[in-house]
């Protein structure tokens, strides 16, 4: 009869959880590709800039963040 090493399985589980914690990008690419991801990130940056302007009470026009550099792979 084979016994399962519970401590080994717990170590494997903890290691997998630590790796998963470092995953900062949700599984977006399957839903819309890089274009969708870039648009989402730009919307987040724009929203952050608008919130910063509102908090500072600035009446200046908020400038959109620069578009990301696109790499054309052939």
N, C-alpha and C. Protein backbone atom coordinates (compact mmCIF):
# COMPACT_ATOMS: atom_id res chain seq x y z
N UNK A 1 0.84 -1.17 0.00
CA UNK A 1 0.00 0.00 0.00
C UNK A 1 0.89 1.24 0.00
N UNK A 2 0.56 2.20 -0.86
CA UNK A 2 1.32 3.44 -0.97
C UNK A 2 0.69 4.53 -0.11
N UNK A 3 1.52 5.25 0.63
CA UNK A 3 1.03 6.34 1.45
C UNK A 3 1.40 7.67 0.79
N UNK A 4 0.49 8.61 0.88
CA UNK A 4 0.73 9.94 0.31
C UNK A 4 1.38 10.81 1.39
N UNK A 5 2.46 11.46 1.02
CA UNK A 5 3.16 12.34 1.92
C UNK A 5 2.40 13.67 1.99
N UNK A 6 1.67 13.88 3.06
CA UNK A 6 0.82 15.05 3.22
C UNK A 6 1.65 16.33 3.27
N UNK A 7 2.78 16.28 3.95
CA UNK A 7 3.63 17.48 4.05
C UNK A 7 4.14 17.89 2.68
N UNK A 8 4.49 16.92 1.84
CA UNK A 8 4.95 17.23 0.49
C UNK A 8 3.84 17.91 -0.31
N UNK A 9 2.61 17.38 -0.22
CA UNK A 9 1.50 17.98 -0.94
C UNK A 9 1.19 19.39 -0.45
N UNK A 10 1.33 19.63 0.85
CA UNK A 10 1.12 20.96 1.39
C UNK A 10 2.17 21.94 0.88
N UNK A 11 3.41 21.47 0.78
CA UNK A 11 4.48 22.32 0.25
C UNK A 11 4.21 22.68 -1.21
N UNK A 12 3.77 21.69 -1.98
CA UNK A 12 3.46 21.93 -3.39
C UNK A 12 2.32 22.94 -3.50
N UNK A 13 1.31 22.78 -2.67
CA UNK A 13 0.15 23.69 -2.68
C UNK A 13 0.57 25.12 -2.32
N UNK A 14 1.40 25.27 -1.29
CA UNK A 14 1.85 26.60 -0.88
C UNK A 14 2.70 27.25 -1.97
N UNK A 15 3.52 26.47 -2.64
CA UNK A 15 4.34 27.01 -3.72
C UNK A 15 3.45 27.48 -4.87
N UNK A 16 2.44 26.70 -5.21
CA UNK A 16 1.52 27.08 -6.28
C UNK A 16 0.74 28.34 -5.91
N UNK A 17 0.35 28.46 -4.65
CA UNK A 17 -0.36 29.66 -4.21
C UNK A 17 0.54 30.89 -4.28
N UNK A 18 1.80 30.73 -3.93
CA UNK A 18 2.74 31.86 -3.98
C UNK A 18 2.94 32.32 -5.42
N UNK A 19 3.02 31.36 -6.33
CA UNK A 19 3.16 31.72 -7.75
C UNK A 19 1.92 32.43 -8.24
N UNK A 20 0.74 31.95 -7.85
CA UNK A 20 -0.51 32.54 -8.30
C UNK A 20 -0.68 33.96 -7.76
N UNK A 21 -0.17 34.24 -6.56
CA UNK A 21 -0.26 35.59 -5.99
C UNK A 21 0.47 36.61 -6.86
N UNK A 22 1.53 36.17 -7.53
CA UNK A 22 2.32 37.08 -8.35
C UNK A 22 1.66 37.36 -9.70
N UNK A 23 0.61 36.65 -10.04
CA UNK A 23 -0.09 36.85 -11.30
C UNK A 23 -0.94 38.11 -11.19
N UNK A 24 -0.48 39.20 -11.81
CA UNK A 24 -1.19 40.47 -11.69
C UNK A 24 -2.16 40.71 -12.84
N UNK A 25 -2.04 39.95 -13.90
CA UNK A 25 -2.90 40.13 -15.06
C UNK A 25 -3.91 39.00 -15.08
N UNK A 26 -5.19 39.39 -15.07
CA UNK A 26 -6.21 38.37 -15.15
C UNK A 26 -6.19 37.74 -16.54
N UNK A 27 -6.94 36.72 -16.72
CA UNK A 27 -6.94 35.97 -17.99
C UNK A 27 -7.75 36.74 -19.03
N UNK A 28 -7.22 37.88 -19.48
CA UNK A 28 -7.93 38.77 -20.38
C UNK A 28 -7.60 38.48 -21.84
N UNK A 29 -6.43 38.00 -22.10
CA UNK A 29 -5.98 37.87 -23.47
C UNK A 29 -6.84 36.91 -24.28
N UNK A 30 -7.43 35.93 -23.65
CA UNK A 30 -8.25 35.00 -24.40
C UNK A 30 -9.57 35.64 -24.83
N UNK A 31 -9.95 36.72 -24.16
CA UNK A 31 -11.24 37.35 -24.45
C UNK A 31 -11.14 38.43 -25.52
N UNK A 32 -9.99 39.05 -25.70
CA UNK A 32 -9.92 40.14 -26.65
C UNK A 32 -8.54 40.41 -27.18
N UNK A 33 -7.56 39.67 -26.75
CA UNK A 33 -6.21 39.85 -27.23
C UNK A 33 -5.52 41.05 -26.61
N UNK A 34 -4.37 41.39 -27.18
CA UNK A 34 -3.56 42.48 -26.65
C UNK A 34 -4.24 43.83 -26.83
N UNK A 35 -5.00 43.99 -27.89
CA UNK A 35 -5.68 45.26 -28.11
C UNK A 35 -6.65 45.55 -26.97
N UNK A 36 -7.40 44.56 -26.56
CA UNK A 36 -8.33 44.72 -25.44
C UNK A 36 -7.57 45.06 -24.16
N UNK A 37 -6.47 44.35 -23.93
CA UNK A 37 -5.66 44.58 -22.73
C UNK A 37 -5.11 46.00 -22.72
N UNK A 38 -4.58 46.46 -23.86
CA UNK A 38 -4.05 47.82 -23.95
C UNK A 38 -5.14 48.85 -23.68
N UNK A 39 -6.32 48.65 -24.27
CA UNK A 39 -7.43 49.58 -24.05
C UNK A 39 -7.84 49.61 -22.58
N UNK A 40 -7.87 48.46 -21.96
CA UNK A 40 -8.24 48.39 -20.55
C UNK A 40 -7.22 49.14 -19.69
N UNK A 41 -5.93 48.93 -19.95
CA UNK A 41 -4.89 49.61 -19.18
C UNK A 41 -4.93 51.12 -19.39
N UNK A 42 -5.18 51.55 -20.62
CA UNK A 42 -5.27 52.99 -20.90
C UNK A 42 -6.48 53.60 -20.19
N UNK A 43 -7.60 52.88 -20.16
CA UNK A 43 -8.78 53.37 -19.44
C UNK A 43 -8.50 53.51 -17.95
N UNK A 44 -7.76 52.55 -17.39
CA UNK A 44 -7.40 52.63 -15.98
C UNK A 44 -6.50 53.83 -15.71
N UNK A 45 -5.52 54.08 -16.60
CA UNK A 45 -4.64 55.23 -16.43
C UNK A 45 -5.42 56.53 -16.53
N UNK A 46 -6.33 56.61 -17.49
CA UNK A 46 -7.13 57.81 -17.67
C UNK A 46 -7.99 58.07 -16.44
N UNK A 47 -8.60 57.01 -15.91
CA UNK A 47 -9.44 57.13 -14.72
C UNK A 47 -8.60 57.61 -13.53
N UNK A 48 -7.40 57.07 -13.40
CA UNK A 48 -6.52 57.47 -12.30
C UNK A 48 -6.14 58.95 -12.41
N UNK A 49 -5.82 59.40 -13.64
CA UNK A 49 -5.47 60.81 -13.85
C UNK A 49 -6.65 61.72 -13.49
N UNK A 50 -7.87 61.31 -13.89
CA UNK A 50 -9.04 62.12 -13.59
C UNK A 50 -9.29 62.19 -12.08
N UNK A 51 -9.09 61.07 -11.38
CA UNK A 51 -9.25 61.07 -9.93
C UNK A 51 -8.21 61.95 -9.26
N UNK A 52 -6.97 61.91 -9.74
CA UNK A 52 -5.91 62.76 -9.17
C UNK A 52 -6.23 64.22 -9.39
N UNK A 53 -6.75 64.56 -10.58
CA UNK A 53 -7.10 65.95 -10.87
C UNK A 53 -8.24 66.41 -9.98
N UNK A 54 -9.21 65.53 -9.75
CA UNK A 54 -10.35 65.88 -8.90
C UNK A 54 -9.91 66.09 -7.45
N UNK A 55 -8.98 65.27 -6.97
CA UNK A 55 -8.51 65.39 -5.60
C UNK A 55 -7.69 66.65 -5.40
N UNK A 56 -6.91 67.01 -6.41
CA UNK A 56 -6.07 68.19 -6.26
C UNK A 56 -6.84 69.48 -6.52
N UNK A 57 -8.05 69.34 -7.07
CA UNK A 57 -8.85 70.53 -7.36
C UNK A 57 -8.35 71.28 -8.57
N UNK A 58 -7.57 70.63 -9.40
CA UNK A 58 -7.02 71.26 -10.58
C UNK A 58 -8.10 71.52 -11.61
N UNK A 59 -8.06 72.73 -12.18
CA UNK A 59 -9.03 73.06 -13.23
C UNK A 59 -8.38 72.95 -14.61
N UNK A 60 -7.10 72.56 -14.63
CA UNK A 60 -6.41 72.38 -15.90
C UNK A 60 -7.00 71.18 -16.64
N UNK A 61 -6.82 71.19 -17.92
CA UNK A 61 -7.28 70.07 -18.72
C UNK A 61 -6.41 68.86 -18.44
N UNK A 62 -7.06 67.74 -18.27
CA UNK A 62 -6.33 66.50 -18.01
C UNK A 62 -5.86 65.94 -19.34
N UNK A 63 -4.56 65.69 -19.40
CA UNK A 63 -3.96 65.15 -20.62
C UNK A 63 -3.99 63.64 -20.54
N UNK A 64 -4.46 63.02 -21.62
CA UNK A 64 -4.48 61.57 -21.67
C UNK A 64 -3.06 61.03 -21.60
N UNK A 65 -2.87 59.89 -20.97
CA UNK A 65 -1.54 59.29 -20.93
C UNK A 65 -1.12 58.86 -22.34
N UNK A 66 0.16 58.80 -22.58
CA UNK A 66 0.61 58.42 -23.92
C UNK A 66 0.20 56.99 -24.24
N UNK A 67 -0.03 56.75 -25.50
CA UNK A 67 -0.42 55.40 -25.90
C UNK A 67 0.80 54.48 -25.76
N UNK A 68 0.56 53.21 -25.49
CA UNK A 68 1.67 52.28 -25.32
C UNK A 68 2.42 52.06 -26.62
N UNK A 69 3.68 51.71 -26.49
CA UNK A 69 4.50 51.43 -27.66
C UNK A 69 4.06 50.09 -28.23
N UNK A 70 3.78 50.08 -29.49
CA UNK A 70 3.36 48.84 -30.12
C UNK A 70 4.53 48.24 -30.87
N UNK A 71 4.71 46.99 -30.67
CA UNK A 71 5.77 46.26 -31.36
C UNK A 71 5.15 45.48 -32.49
N UNK A 72 5.63 45.74 -33.67
CA UNK A 72 5.12 45.02 -34.84
C UNK A 72 6.03 43.83 -35.10
N UNK A 73 5.48 42.66 -34.95
CA UNK A 73 6.24 41.44 -35.18
C UNK A 73 5.83 40.88 -36.52
N UNK A 74 6.82 40.61 -37.35
CA UNK A 74 6.52 40.07 -38.68
C UNK A 74 6.94 38.64 -38.77
